[in-house]
Amino acid sequence: MPDDAAAARAAAEEESSAFSHPAVDPDTTAAYGDHPDQVIDFYAPHGERGPGGPAPLIVVLHGGAWRARYDRRHISPFADFLARRGFGVASVEYRRGGDSEGQGERQREGRDEGRGESQGEGEGVPVAGRWPDTFDDVAAALDALPALAREALPQTDPRRIVVTGHSAGGHLALWAAARHLLPADAPWRLDRPAPLRGVVALAPIADFAVADKLDVCAGACRQLLGGDEGFTEHRPYADPALLLPTGIATTLVQGRADLVVPQAVAESYADAAAKAGEVVGLTLLEDVGHFPLIDPVADACAVVGEEIAQLAW
């Protein structure tokens, strides 16, 4: 249909713009574990500050369907965008599914989200995520972050932490804020809510049942949890829609024209939160797809910056 073709062209243009920016090197990098992927890139705040005092610290969790061919480098222009708005930024790497060797070269050749996600696993798309390694890493990174940030970014305030993430990273951001609600036998469970000012999840894979039904990112949710059997067994430990209410201020930012993670996924999470007695903000952007949320030159990215600022300050 002509409308479908136009939507696909618009999505391709948005993706091309988001990936047209050169990667931005961090000011420093620190390890939170022994694996090469267990690192955090730190970006010092510069540009105009907010109300004054130490800068808030924004934790960035990148997307890419939890697959290895996307690493944190693709979101580094967004991290730099936040740093230029006066925030300290901690961009977290974590173990993803598939072979991570040479992933940087493959990022530009075949994207897991958008056009590249139309392929099935049997057609060359690597498996999404590592169970339980992906979750081990995000929990370990967040636990180590305050001490690492005090050394790497002493000009930031570790009491003002906002976690943001895009797509699969949006899922991880929501999950990180819900660790106190995990089942009692979960190794990542916290005894009390994490000391976060809030979460801003960008086009998040926030409800695994809905995402699985819609085959978001070529079955990535089911792969992340270990296949058909793991999907049922592990969902209570991994699905943000089952881990509510968090008691932590949460905003979802979602493009209405998103073809990668459709609006219905975010809406389902917001509905689940409401049923659990929690109000979750849902900012829906007209004529916006998946990638403008992390594209520094897009108006949608400016909206994201404002949403983060409202929680951070």
C-alpha atoms as a PDB file:
ATOM      1  CA  MET A   1       0.000   0.000   0.000  1.00  0.00           C
ATOM      2  CA  PRO A   2       1.247   3.529  -0.733  1.00  0.00           C
ATOM      3  CA  ASP A   3       0.870   4.589   2.918  1.00  0.00           C
ATOM      4  CA  ASP A   4       2.895   1.618   4.078  1.00  0.00           C
ATOM      5  CA  ALA A   5       5.599   2.410   1.545  1.00  0.00           C
ATOM      6  CA  ALA A   6       5.719   6.032   2.684  1.00  0.00           C
ATOM      7  CA  ALA A   7       5.965   4.968   6.324  1.00  0.00           C
ATOM      8  CA  ALA A   8       8.806   2.587   5.486  1.00  0.00           C
ATOM      9  CA  ARG A   9      10.659   5.340   3.607  1.00  0.00           C
ATOM     10  CA  ALA A  10      10.228   7.747   6.525  1.00  0.00           C
ATOM     11  CA  ALA A  11      11.499   5.126   8.970  1.00  0.00           C
ATOM     12  CA  ALA A  12      14.537   4.454   6.781  1.00  0.00           C
ATOM     13  CA  GLU A  13      15.325   8.169   6.607  1.00  0.00           C
ATOM     14  CA  GLU A  14      15.045   8.498  10.396  1.00  0.00           C
ATOM     15  CA  GLU A  15      17.348   5.547  10.926  1.00  0.00           C
ATOM     16  CA  SER A  16      19.861   6.896   8.426  1.00  0.00           C
ATOM     17  CA  SER A  17      19.924  10.251  10.201  1.00  0.00           C
ATOM     18  CA  ALA A  18      20.392   8.693  13.641  1.00  0.00           C
ATOM     19  CA  PHE A  19      23.340   6.630  12.432  1.00  0.00           C
ATOM     20  CA  SER A  20      24.956   9.399  10.398  1.00  0.00           C
ATOM     21  CA  HIS A  21      26.719  10.933  13.390  1.00  0.00           C
ATOM     22  CA  PRO A  22      30.278   9.869  14.188  1.00  0.00           C
ATOM     23  CA  ALA A  23      30.802   8.072  17.463  1.00  0.00           C
ATOM     24  CA  VAL A  24      31.844  10.344  20.326  1.00  0.00           C
ATOM     25  CA  ASP A  25      34.690   9.160  22.541  1.00  0.00           C
ATOM     26  CA  PRO A  26      34.015   9.316  26.292  1.00  0.00           C
ATOM     27  CA  ASP A  27      36.109  11.321  28.722  1.00  0.00           C
ATOM     28  CA  THR A  28      36.973   8.139  30.575  1.00  0.00           C
ATOM     29  CA  THR A  29      35.980   4.485  30.768  1.00  0.00           C
ATOM     30  CA  ALA A  30      35.825   2.268  33.850  1.00  0.00           C
ATOM     31  CA  ALA A  31      35.342  -1.467  34.228  1.00  0.00           C
ATOM     32  CA  TYR A  32      32.732  -2.999  36.513  1.00  0.00           C
ATOM     33  CA  GLY A  33      33.833  -6.588  35.805  1.00  0.00           C
ATOM     34  CA  ASP A  34      36.431  -8.706  34.039  1.00  0.00           C
ATOM     35  CA  HIS A  35      34.648  -9.299  30.716  1.00  0.00           C
ATOM     36  CA  PRO A  36      35.529  -6.845  27.886  1.00  0.00           C
ATOM     37  CA  ASP A  37      31.866  -5.818  27.678  1.00  0.00           C
ATOM     38  CA  GLN A  38      31.649  -4.987  31.390  1.00  0.00           C
ATOM     39  CA  VAL A  39      32.565  -1.315  31.067  1.00  0.00           C
ATOM     40  CA  ILE A  40      30.970   2.093  31.513  1.00  0.00           C
ATOM     41  CA  ASP A  41      31.820   5.143  29.399  1.00  0.00           C
ATOM     42  CA  PHE A  42      31.680   8.433  31.292  1.00  0.00           C
ATOM     43  CA  TYR A  43      30.958  11.816  29.696  1.00  0.00           C
ATOM     44  CA  ALA A  44      31.626  14.926  31.767  1.00  0.00           C
ATOM     45  CA  PRO A  45      28.919  17.610  31.861  1.00  0.00           C
ATOM     46  CA  HIS A  46      29.534  20.732  29.849  1.00  0.00           C
ATOM     47  CA  GLY A  47      27.438  23.535  28.463  1.00  0.00           C
ATOM     48  CA  GLU A  48      24.700  25.175  30.490  1.00  0.00           C
ATOM     49  CA  ARG A  49      23.768  23.675  33.848  1.00  0.00           C
ATOM     50  CA  GLY A  50      20.305  23.493  35.347  1.00  0.00           C
ATOM     51  CA  PRO A  51      19.342  25.092  38.690  1.00  0.00           C
ATOM     52  CA  GLY A  52      22.918  24.868  39.965  1.00  0.00           C
ATOM     53  CA  GLY A  53      24.958  22.576  42.148  1.00  0.00           C
ATOM     54  CA  PRO A  54      26.466  19.259  41.106  1.00  0.00           C
ATOM     55  CA  ALA A  55      25.152  17.868  37.837  1.00  0.00           C
ATOM     56  CA  PRO A  56      22.711  14.957  37.825  1.00  0.00           C
ATOM     57  CA  LEU A  57      24.043  11.644  36.544  1.00  0.00           C
ATOM     58  CA  ILE A  58      22.202  10.069  33.619  1.00  0.00           C
ATOM     59  CA  VAL A  59      22.689   6.352  33.065  1.00  0.00           C
ATOM     60  CA  VAL A  60      22.282   5.381  29.395  1.00  0.00           C
ATOM     61  CA  LEU A  61      21.462   1.807  28.353  1.00  0.00           C
ATOM     62  CA  HIS A  62      21.718   1.286  24.607  1.00  0.00           C
ATOM     63  CA  GLY A  63      19.345  -0.744  22.467  1.00  0.00           C
ATOM     64  CA  GLY A  64      19.881  -3.130  19.601  1.00  0.00           C
ATOM     65  CA  ALA A  65      17.557  -5.997  20.511  1.00  0.00           C
ATOM     66  CA  TRP A  66      20.120  -7.274  23.048  1.00  0.00           C
ATOM     67  CA  ARG A  67      22.186  -8.486  20.065  1.00  0.00           C
ATOM     68  CA  ALA A  68      25.955  -8.138  19.799  1.00  0.00           C
ATOM     69  CA  ARG A  69      26.166  -6.244  16.560  1.00  0.00           C
ATOM     70  CA  TYR A  70      24.969  -3.117  18.363  1.00  0.00           C
ATOM     71  CA  ASP A  71      27.254  -1.811  21.093  1.00  0.00           C
ATOM     72  CA  ARG A  72      27.312   1.423  23.073  1.00  0.00           C
ATOM     73  CA  ARG A  73      29.141   3.313  20.325  1.00  0.00           C
ATOM     74  CA  HIS A  74      25.957   3.822  18.332  1.00  0.00           C
ATOM     75  CA  ILE A  75      24.352   5.735  21.203  1.00  0.00           C
ATOM     76  CA  SER A  76      27.452   7.815  22.008  1.00  0.00           C
ATOM     77  CA  PRO A  77      26.183  10.878  20.062  1.00  0.00           C
ATOM     78  CA  PHE A  78      23.086  10.794  22.294  1.00  0.00           C
ATOM     79  CA  ALA A  79      25.288  10.501  25.390  1.00  0.00           C
ATOM     80  CA  ASP A  80      27.257  13.527  24.178  1.00  0.00           C
ATOM     81  CA  PHE A  81      23.962  15.361  23.540  1.00  0.00           C
ATOM     82  CA  LEU A  82      23.038  14.873  27.196  1.00  0.00           C
ATOM     83  CA  ALA A  83      26.495  15.931  28.378  1.00  0.00           C
ATOM     84  CA  ARG A  84      26.165  19.138  26.357  1.00  0.00           C
ATOM     85  CA  ARG A  85      22.945  19.828  28.237  1.00  0.00           C
ATOM     86  CA  GLY A  86      24.859  19.841  31.506  1.00  0.00           C
ATOM     87  CA  PHE A  87      24.379  16.259  32.659  1.00  0.00           C
ATOM     88  CA  GLY A  88      27.031  13.772  33.657  1.00  0.00           C
ATOM     89  CA  VAL A  89      26.508  10.624  31.610  1.00  0.00           C
ATOM     90  CA  ALA A  90      27.346   6.987  32.265  1.00  0.00           C
ATOM     91  CA  SER A  91      26.858   4.823  29.161  1.00  0.00           C
ATOM     92  CA  VAL A  92      26.757   1.160  30.135  1.00  0.00           C
ATOM     93  CA  GLU A  93      27.961  -1.737  28.022  1.00  0.00           C
ATOM     94  CA  TYR A  94      26.716  -5.253  28.747  1.00  0.00           C
ATOM     95  CA  ARG A  95      26.904  -8.722  27.253  1.00  0.00           C
ATOM     96  CA  ARG A  96      24.532  -9.326  24.353  1.00  0.00           C
ATOM     97  CA  GLY A  97      23.653 -12.380  22.289  1.00  0.00           C
ATOM     98  CA  GLY A  98      25.766 -13.652  19.423  1.00  0.00           C
ATOM     99  CA  ASP A  99      29.443 -13.266  18.692  1.00  0.00           C
ATOM    100  CA  SER A 100      30.708  -9.852  19.799  1.00  0.00           C
ATOM    101  CA  GLU A 101      33.918 -10.111  17.756  1.00  0.00           C
ATOM    102  CA  GLY A 102      33.998  -7.509  15.015  1.00  0.00           C
ATOM    103  CA  GLN A 103      30.627  -6.127  16.048  1.00  0.00           C
ATOM    104  CA  GLY A 104      31.636  -2.529  15.441  1.00  0.00           C
ATOM    105  CA  GLU A 105      32.276  -3.185  11.754  1.00  0.00           C
ATOM    106  CA  ARG A 106      28.929  -4.955  11.407  1.00  0.00           C
ATOM    107  CA  GLN A 107      26.877  -2.195  13.013  1.00  0.00           C
ATOM    108  CA  ARG A 108      26.817  -0.110   9.859  1.00  0.00           C
ATOM    109  CA  GLU A 109      26.413  -3.104   7.554  1.00  0.00           C
ATOM    110  CA  GLY A 110      23.314  -4.716   8.976  1.00  0.00           C
ATOM    111  CA  ARG A 111      21.150  -3.213  11.681  1.00  0.00           C
ATOM    112  CA  ASP A 112      19.269  -5.440  14.114  1.00  0.00           C
ATOM    113  CA  GLU A 113      16.533  -2.889  14.579  1.00  0.00           C
ATOM    114  CA  GLY A 114      14.617  -1.336  11.708  1.00  0.00           C
ATOM    115  CA  ARG A 115      15.355  -2.862   8.295  1.00  0.00           C
ATOM    116  CA  GLY A 116      17.678  -5.588   9.552  1.00  0.00           C
ATOM    117  CA  GLU A 117      15.165  -6.986  12.046  1.00  0.00           C
ATOM    118  CA  SER A 118      12.899  -8.273   9.299  1.00  0.00           C
ATOM    119  CA  GLN A 119      15.118 -11.347   8.997  1.00  0.00           C
ATOM    120  CA  GLY A 120      14.451 -14.380  11.141  1.00  0.00           C
ATOM    121  CA  GLU A 121      17.053 -16.032  13.320  1.00  0.00           C
ATOM    122  CA  GLY A 122      17.505 -18.769  10.760  1.00  0.00           C
ATOM    123  CA  GLU A 123      18.331 -16.180   8.095  1.00  0.00           C
ATOM    124  CA  GLY A 124      21.385 -14.845   9.865  1.00  0.00           C
ATOM    125  CA  VAL A 125      20.084 -12.682  12.709  1.00  0.00           C
ATOM    126  CA  PRO A 126      22.048 -13.600  15.865  1.00  0.00           C
ATOM    127  CA  VAL A 127      20.255 -14.692  19.005  1.00  0.00           C
ATOM    128  CA  ALA A 128      19.170 -11.861  21.297  1.00  0.00           C
ATOM    129  CA  GLY A 129      20.744 -11.545  24.709  1.00  0.00           C
ATOM    130  CA  ARG A 130      22.406 -13.991  27.047  1.00  0.00           C
ATOM    131  CA  TRP A 131      20.511 -15.511  29.928  1.00  0.00           C
ATOM    132  CA  PRO A 132      21.371 -14.679  32.647  1.00  0.00           C
ATOM    133  CA  ASP A 133      24.524 -12.753  31.674  1.00  0.00           C
ATOM    134  CA  THR A 134      22.758  -9.689  30.262  1.00  0.00           C
ATOM    135  CA  PHE A 135      20.877  -9.208  33.521  1.00  0.00           C
ATOM    136  CA  ASP A 136      23.964 -10.009  35.605  1.00  0.00           C
ATOM    137  CA  ASP A 137      25.773  -7.171  33.871  1.00  0.00           C
ATOM    138  CA  VAL A 138      23.093  -4.508  34.181  1.00  0.00           C
ATOM    139  CA  ALA A 139      22.647  -5.258  37.876  1.00  0.00           C
ATOM    140  CA  ALA A 140      26.409  -5.245  38.481  1.00  0.00           C
ATOM    141  CA  ALA A 141      26.888  -2.011  36.531  1.00  0.00           C
ATOM    142  CA  LEU A 142      24.177  -0.174  38.466  1.00  0.00           C
ATOM    143  CA  ASP A 143      25.505  -1.469  41.779  1.00  0.00           C
ATOM    144  CA  ALA A 144      29.054  -0.354  40.961  1.00  0.00           C
ATOM    145  CA  LEU A 145      28.033   2.951  39.428  1.00  0.00           C
ATOM    146  CA  PRO A 146      28.000   5.291  42.464  1.00  0.00           C
ATOM    147  CA  ALA A 147      31.584   4.464  43.428  1.00  0.00           C
ATOM    148  CA  LEU A 148      32.831   4.548  39.835  1.00  0.00           C
ATOM    149  CA  ALA A 149      31.070   7.849  39.168  1.00  0.00           C
ATOM    150  CA  ARG A 150      32.516   9.509  42.247  1.00  0.00           C
ATOM    151  CA  GLU A 151      35.976   8.854  40.825  1.00  0.00           C
ATOM    152  CA  ALA A 152      35.239   9.396  37.119  1.00  0.00           C
ATOM    153  CA  LEU A 153      32.824  12.341  37.412  1.00  0.00           C
ATOM    154  CA  PRO A 154      33.311  14.035  40.794  1.00  0.00           C
ATOM    155  CA  GLN A 155      31.313  17.029  39.549  1.00  0.00           C
ATOM    156  CA  THR A 156      28.112  14.960  39.495  1.00  0.00           C
ATOM    157  CA  ASP A 157      25.646  14.168  42.262  1.00  0.00           C
ATOM    158  CA  PRO A 158      25.164  10.405  42.739  1.00  0.00           C
ATOM    159  CA  ARG A 159      21.951  11.202  44.611  1.00  0.00           C
ATOM    160  CA  ARG A 160      20.452  12.503  41.369  1.00  0.00           C
ATOM    161  CA  ILE A 161      20.520   9.475  39.095  1.00  0.00           C
ATOM    162  CA  VAL A 162      18.094   9.045  36.220  1.00  0.00           C
ATOM    163  CA  VAL A 163      18.224   5.900  34.103  1.00  0.00           C
ATOM    164  CA  THR A 164      17.313   6.131  30.441  1.00  0.00           C
ATOM    165  CA  GLY A 165      17.450   3.549  27.701  1.00  0.00           C
ATOM    166  CA  HIS A 166      16.341   3.079  24.120  1.00  0.00           C
ATOM    167  CA  SER A 167      14.366   0.097  22.821  1.00  0.00           C
ATOM    168  CA  ALA A 168      15.959  -3.009  24.394  1.00  0.00           C
ATOM    169  CA  GLY A 169      17.848  -0.557  26.605  1.00  0.00           C
ATOM    170  CA  GLY A 170      14.497   0.924  27.605  1.00  0.00           C
ATOM    171  CA  HIS A 171      13.505  -2.522  28.818  1.00  0.00           C
ATOM    172  CA  LEU A 172      16.705  -2.751  30.851  1.00  0.00           C
ATOM    173  CA  ALA A 173      16.103   0.710  32.346  1.00  0.00           C
ATOM    174  CA  LEU A 174      12.626  -0.290  33.526  1.00  0.00           C
ATOM    175  CA  TRP A 175      13.959  -3.592  34.824  1.00  0.00           C
ATOM    176  CA  ALA A 176      16.768  -1.868  36.739  1.00  0.00           C
ATOM    177  CA  ALA A 177      14.183   0.239  38.562  1.00  0.00           C
ATOM    178  CA  ALA A 178      12.134  -2.830  39.511  1.00  0.00           C
ATOM    179  CA  ARG A 179      14.778  -5.081  41.064  1.00  0.00           C
ATOM    180  CA  HIS A 180      13.185  -4.800  44.521  1.00  0.00           C
ATOM    181  CA  LEU A 181      10.086  -6.465  43.056  1.00  0.00           C
ATOM    182  CA  LEU A 182      11.870  -9.492  41.622  1.00  0.00           C
ATOM    183  CA  PRO A 183      11.031 -12.951  42.980  1.00  0.00           C
ATOM    184  CA  ALA A 184      12.759 -13.731  46.268  1.00  0.00           C
ATOM    185  CA  ASP A 185      15.165 -16.195  44.655  1.00  0.00           C
ATOM    186  CA  ALA A 186      16.362 -13.751  41.980  1.00  0.00           C
ATOM    187  CA  PRO A 187      20.110 -13.068  42.323  1.00  0.00           C
ATOM    188  CA  TRP A 188      19.563  -9.439  41.249  1.00  0.00           C
ATOM    189  CA  ARG A 189      16.879  -8.626  43.813  1.00  0.00           C
ATOM    190  CA  LEU A 190      17.347  -5.574  46.033  1.00  0.00           C
ATOM    191  CA  ASP A 191      15.877  -5.292  49.525  1.00  0.00           C
ATOM    192  CA  ARG A 192      14.605  -1.797  48.805  1.00  0.00           C
ATOM    193  CA  PRO A 193      13.991   0.397  45.744  1.00  0.00           C
ATOM    194  CA  ALA A 194      17.127   1.562  43.964  1.00  0.00           C
ATOM    195  CA  PRO A 195      18.053   5.179  44.842  1.00  0.00           C
ATOM    196  CA  LEU A 196      16.951   6.632  41.510  1.00  0.00           C
ATOM    197  CA  ARG A 197      15.318   9.974  40.764  1.00  0.00           C
ATOM    198  CA  GLY A 198      13.487   8.333  37.903  1.00  0.00           C
ATOM    199  CA  VAL A 199      13.438   6.416  34.636  1.00  0.00           C
ATOM    200  CA  VAL A 200      12.880   7.745  31.114  1.00  0.00           C
ATOM    201  CA  ALA A 201      12.353   4.764  28.820  1.00  0.00           C
ATOM    202  CA  LEU A 202      12.519   5.493  25.086  1.00  0.00           C
ATOM    203  CA  ALA A 203      10.402   3.245  22.854  1.00  0.00           C
ATOM    204  CA  PRO A 204      10.987   0.491  25.405  1.00  0.00           C
ATOM    205  CA  ILE A 205      10.308  -3.202  24.953  1.00  0.00           C
ATOM    206  CA  ALA A 206       8.284  -2.854  28.118  1.00  0.00           C
ATOM    207  CA  ASP A 207       5.752  -5.681  27.936  1.00  0.00           C
ATOM    208  CA  PHE A 208       7.100  -9.029  26.777  1.00  0.00           C
ATOM    209  CA  ALA A 209       3.703 -10.627  26.155  1.00  0.00           C
ATOM    210  CA  VAL A 210       2.663  -7.884  23.751  1.00  0.00           C
ATOM    211  CA  ALA A 211       6.119  -7.617  22.165  1.00  0.00           C
ATOM    212  CA  ASP A 212       6.212 -11.370  21.619  1.00  0.00           C
ATOM    213  CA  LYS A 213       2.748 -11.358  20.065  1.00  0.00           C
ATOM    214  CA  LEU A 214       3.845  -8.594  17.684  1.00  0.00           C
ATOM    215  CA  ASP A 215       7.161 -10.389  16.976  1.00  0.00           C
ATOM    216  CA  VAL A 216       9.112  -7.281  17.929  1.00  0.00           C
ATOM    217  CA  CYS A 217      12.708  -7.438  16.678  1.00  0.00           C
ATOM    218  CA  ALA A 218      12.244 -10.908  15.187  1.00  0.00           C
ATOM    219  CA  GLY A 219      11.423 -12.764  18.374  1.00  0.00           C
ATOM    220  CA  ALA A 220      14.070 -11.043  20.495  1.00  0.00           C
ATOM    221  CA  CYS A 221      12.154 -11.263  23.789  1.00  0.00           C
ATOM    222  CA  ARG A 222      11.724 -15.019  23.526  1.00  0.00           C
ATOM    223  CA  GLN A 223      15.389 -15.444  22.573  1.00  0.00           C
ATOM    224  CA  LEU A 224      16.561 -13.240  25.446  1.00  0.00           C
ATOM    225  CA  LEU A 225      14.830 -15.492  27.948  1.00  0.00           C
ATOM    226  CA  GLY A 226      16.174 -18.722  26.466  1.00  0.00           C
ATOM    227  CA  GLY A 227      13.589 -19.834  23.933  1.00  0.00           C
ATOM    228  CA  ASP A 228      10.064 -21.185  24.382  1.00  0.00           C
ATOM    229  CA  GLU A 229      10.625 -22.900  27.725  1.00  0.00           C
ATOM    230  CA  GLY A 230      12.707 -20.066  29.114  1.00  0.00           C
ATOM    231  CA  PHE A 231      10.161 -17.480  28.030  1.00  0.00           C
ATOM    232  CA  THR A 232       7.581 -18.910  30.406  1.00  0.00           C
ATOM    233  CA  GLU A 233      10.013 -19.723  33.207  1.00  0.00           C
ATOM    234  CA  HIS A 234      12.003 -16.498  33.155  1.00  0.00           C
ATOM    235  CA  ARG A 235       9.366 -13.852  32.420  1.00  0.00           C
ATOM    236  CA  PRO A 236       8.660 -13.204  36.131  1.00  0.00           C
ATOM    237  CA  TYR A 237      12.347 -12.305  36.508  1.00  0.00           C
ATOM    238  CA  ALA A 238      12.638 -10.134  33.408  1.00  0.00           C
ATOM    239  CA  ASP A 239       9.358  -8.610  32.167  1.00  0.00           C
ATOM    240  CA  PRO A 240       8.857  -5.036  33.430  1.00  0.00           C
ATOM    241  CA  ALA A 241       5.085  -5.321  32.955  1.00  0.00           C
ATOM    242  CA  LEU A 242       5.070  -8.003  35.668  1.00  0.00           C
ATOM    243  CA  LEU A 243       7.210  -5.930  38.062  1.00  0.00           C
ATOM    244  CA  LEU A 244       4.882  -3.161  39.195  1.00  0.00           C
ATOM    245  CA  PRO A 245       4.404  -0.816  40.959  1.00  0.00           C
ATOM    246  CA  THR A 246       8.021   0.297  41.302  1.00  0.00           C
ATOM    247  CA  GLY A 247       7.409   3.470  43.313  1.00  0.00           C
ATOM    248  CA  ILE A 248       9.992   5.221  41.127  1.00  0.00           C
ATOM    249  CA  ALA A 249       8.972   8.096  38.862  1.00  0.00           C
ATOM    250  CA  THR A 250       8.774   6.715  35.319  1.00  0.00           C
ATOM    251  CA  THR A 251       8.127   8.290  31.940  1.00  0.00           C
ATOM    252  CA  LEU A 252       7.872   6.507  28.606  1.00  0.00           C
ATOM    253  CA  VAL A 253       8.570   8.432  25.388  1.00  0.00           C
ATOM    254  CA  GLN A 254       7.178   6.774  22.296  1.00  0.00           C
ATOM    255  CA  GLY A 255       6.834   7.714  18.639  1.00  0.00           C
ATOM    256  CA  ARG A 256       3.394   7.013  17.220  1.00  0.00           C
ATOM    257  CA  ALA A 257       4.963   6.061  13.875  1.00  0.00           C
ATOM    258  CA  ASP A 258       7.406   3.551  15.398  1.00  0.00           C
ATOM    259  CA  LEU A 259       7.555   0.430  13.212  1.00  0.00           C
ATOM    260  CA  VAL A 260      10.223  -1.324  15.289  1.00  0.00           C
ATOM    261  CA  VAL A 261       8.645  -1.246  18.755  1.00  0.00           C
ATOM    262  CA  PRO A 262       5.018  -0.260  18.169  1.00  0.00           C
ATOM    263  CA  GLN A 263       3.116   2.119  20.411  1.00  0.00           C
ATOM    264  CA  ALA A 264       0.978  -0.757  21.731  1.00  0.00           C
ATOM    265  CA  VAL A 265       3.933  -2.097  23.734  1.00  0.00           C
ATOM    266  CA  ALA A 266       4.396   1.105  25.730  1.00  0.00           C
ATOM    267  CA  GLU A 267       0.655   1.545  26.166  1.00  0.00           C
ATOM    268  CA  SER A 268       0.317  -1.951  27.573  1.00  0.00           C
ATOM    269  CA  TYR A 269       3.001  -1.241  30.172  1.00  0.00           C
ATOM    270  CA  ALA A 270       1.321   2.029  31.153  1.00  0.00           C
ATOM    271  CA  ASP A 271      -2.005   0.206  31.497  1.00  0.00           C
ATOM    272  CA  ALA A 272      -0.408  -2.482  33.656  1.00  0.00           C
ATOM    273  CA  ALA A 273       1.106   0.216  35.875  1.00  0.00           C
ATOM    274  CA  ALA A 274      -2.283   1.907  36.263  1.00  0.00           C
ATOM    275  CA  LYS A 275      -3.877  -1.398  37.273  1.00  0.00           C
ATOM    276  CA  ALA A 276      -1.120  -1.771  39.875  1.00  0.00           C
ATOM    277  CA  GLY A 277      -1.936   1.672  41.250  1.00  0.00           C
ATOM    278  CA  GLU A 278       0.973   3.550  39.723  1.00  0.00           C
ATOM    279  CA  VAL A 279       0.848   6.495  37.348  1.00  0.00           C
ATOM    280  CA  VAL A 280       3.417   6.216  34.565  1.00  0.00           C
ATOM    281  CA  GLY A 281       3.912   9.128  32.196  1.00  0.00           C
ATOM    282  CA  LEU A 282       3.457   8.316  28.514  1.00  0.00           C
ATOM    283  CA  THR A 283       4.602  10.968  26.040  1.00  0.00           C
ATOM    284  CA  LEU A 284       3.431  10.095  22.518  1.00  0.00           C
ATOM    285  CA  LEU A 285       5.070  11.969  19.640  1.00  0.00           C
ATOM    286  CA  GLU A 286       3.204  12.393  16.377  1.00  0.00           C
ATOM    287  CA  ASP A 287       4.926  11.434  13.122  1.00  0.00           C
ATOM    288  CA  VAL A 288       7.960  10.112  14.993  1.00  0.00           C
ATOM    289  CA  GLY A 289       9.429   6.656  14.529  1.00  0.00           C
ATOM    290  CA  HIS A 290      11.950   4.614  16.480  1.00  0.00           C
ATOM    291  CA  PHE A 291      15.287   6.351  16.024  1.00  0.00           C
ATOM    292  CA  PRO A 292      14.650  10.122  16.349  1.00  0.00           C
ATOM    293  CA  LEU A 293      14.463   9.663  20.131  1.00  0.00           C
ATOM    294  CA  ILE A 294      18.266   9.210  20.202  1.00  0.00           C
ATOM    295  CA  ASP A 295      19.129  11.407  17.197  1.00  0.00           C
ATOM    296  CA  PRO A 296      20.700  14.654  18.479  1.00  0.00           C
ATOM    297  CA  VAL A 297      19.446  16.689  15.517  1.00  0.00           C
ATOM    298  CA  ALA A 298      15.823  15.521  15.825  1.00  0.00           C
ATOM    299  CA  ASP A 299      13.136  17.509  17.623  1.00  0.00           C
ATOM    300  CA  ALA A 300      12.103  14.300  19.377  1.00  0.00           C
ATOM    301  CA  CYS A 301      15.511  14.085  21.033  1.00  0.00           C
ATOM    302  CA  ALA A 302      15.021  17.567  22.484  1.00  0.00           C
ATOM    303  CA  VAL A 303      11.752  16.341  24.007  1.00  0.00           C
ATOM    304  CA  VAL A 304      13.647  13.433  25.542  1.00  0.00           C
ATOM    305  CA  GLY A 305      16.158  15.864  27.034  1.00  0.00           C
ATOM    306  CA  GLU A 306      13.367  17.852  28.654  1.00  0.00           C
ATOM    307  CA  GLU A 307      11.734  14.737  30.095  1.00  0.00           C
ATOM    308  CA  ILE A 308      15.050  13.693  31.620  1.00  0.00           C
ATOM    309  CA  ALA A 309      15.648  17.187  33.024  1.00  0.00           C
ATOM    310  CA  GLN A 310      12.250  17.220  34.726  1.00  0.00           C
ATOM    311  CA  LEU A 311      13.152  14.126  36.728  1.00  0.00           C
ATOM    312  CA  ALA A 312      16.873  14.823  37.191  1.00  0.00           C
ATOM    313  CA  TRP A 313      16.620  18.291  38.721  1.00  0.00           C
END
